Amino acid sequence: MEWSYTGGMQGTSSLLARLPTGFIVALVTDTSRDGRFFSDLRSSLLGAVKDIDQWPEQDLFPVWSSTPAAGH
């Protein structure tokens, strides 16, 4: 991992990390967590990203931004 940042406010937790591949991970939760949670989360995310052997060749944001949010 090139760098990571964890933080939050009362009732929230966040993680932002940049991997050596340039992949950036951002996560926000609606609950406060301790350092062990982030350590486990980092390990899980790194393992999951490492296991991906094929990425989409096109930008998928237009696909998801035009999809209505659940419940709307």
Protein backbone atom coordinates (compact mmCIF):
# COMPACT_ATOMS: atom_id res chain seq x y z
CA MET A 1 0.00 0.00 0.00
CA GLU A 2 1.45 3.36 -0.99
CA TRP A 3 -0.55 5.26 1.59
CA SER A 4 -3.76 5.11 3.56
CA TYR A 5 -5.78 7.37 5.79
CA THR A 6 -8.40 6.44 8.34
CA GLY A 7 -10.61 8.76 10.29
CA GLY A 8 -14.12 9.77 11.01
CA MET A 9 -16.43 11.71 13.20
CA GLN A 10 -18.74 10.50 15.93
CA GLY A 11 -20.76 7.63 14.48
CA THR A 12 -18.74 7.34 11.25
CA SER A 13 -15.52 5.73 10.04
CA SER A 14 -13.65 6.19 6.79
CA LEU A 15 -10.73 4.67 4.91
CA LEU A 16 -8.94 6.08 1.89
CA ALA A 17 -6.02 4.14 0.43
CA ARG A 18 -3.85 4.19 -2.69
CA LEU A 19 -2.34 0.89 -3.77
CA PRO A 20 1.00 0.57 -5.60
CA THR A 21 -0.95 -0.20 -8.80
CA GLY A 22 -2.58 3.25 -8.63
CA PHE A 23 -5.93 1.76 -7.57
CA ILE A 24 -7.67 3.97 -5.00
CA VAL A 25 -10.10 2.59 -2.41
CA ALA A 26 -12.55 4.76 -0.47
CA LEU A 27 -14.91 3.45 2.17
CA VAL A 28 -17.27 5.25 4.53
CA THR A 29 -19.33 3.50 7.21
CA ASP A 30 -22.08 4.80 9.45
CA THR A 31 -20.54 3.43 12.61
CA SER A 32 -17.45 4.21 14.68
CA ARG A 33 -14.73 1.57 14.63
CA ASP A 34 -11.33 1.03 16.23
CA GLY A 35 -7.89 0.50 14.68
CA ARG A 36 -8.28 -3.28 14.50
CA PHE A 37 -11.29 -2.86 12.19
CA PHE A 38 -9.21 -0.81 9.74
CA SER A 39 -6.30 -3.21 9.89
CA ASP A 40 -8.61 -6.12 9.02
CA LEU A 41 -10.34 -4.05 6.36
CA ARG A 42 -7.05 -3.09 4.70
CA SER A 43 -6.01 -6.74 4.54
CA SER A 44 -9.36 -7.81 3.09
CA LEU A 45 -9.41 -5.04 0.48
CA LEU A 46 -5.84 -5.72 -0.59
CA GLY A 47 -6.63 -9.41 -0.99
CA ALA A 48 -9.80 -8.70 -2.96
CA VAL A 49 -8.11 -6.24 -5.34
CA LYS A 50 -5.14 -8.56 -5.81
CA ASP A 51 -7.50 -11.38 -6.84
CA ILE A 52 -9.07 -9.35 -9.67
CA ASP A 53 -7.46 -10.54 -12.87
CA GLN A 54 -9.47 -8.52 -15.38
CA TRP A 55 -10.69 -4.92 -15.12
CA PRO A 56 -13.27 -3.30 -17.42
CA GLU A 57 -11.69 -1.50 -20.34
CA GLN A 58 -14.26 1.33 -20.35
CA ASP A 59 -15.40 3.85 -17.76
CA LEU A 60 -18.43 2.42 -15.92
CA PHE A 61 -19.48 5.64 -14.16
CA PRO A 62 -21.90 6.66 -16.95
CA VAL A 63 -23.65 3.28 -16.59
CA TRP A 64 -24.23 3.68 -12.85
CA SER A 65 -24.91 7.42 -12.79
CA SER A 66 -27.87 6.98 -15.14
CA THR A 67 -29.41 4.22 -13.00
CA PRO A 68 -32.01 5.43 -10.45
CA ALA A 69 -31.09 4.89 -6.83
CA ALA A 70 -32.89 2.09 -5.00
CA GLY A 71 -36.20 3.21 -3.57
CA HIS A 72 -36.55 6.20 -5.91
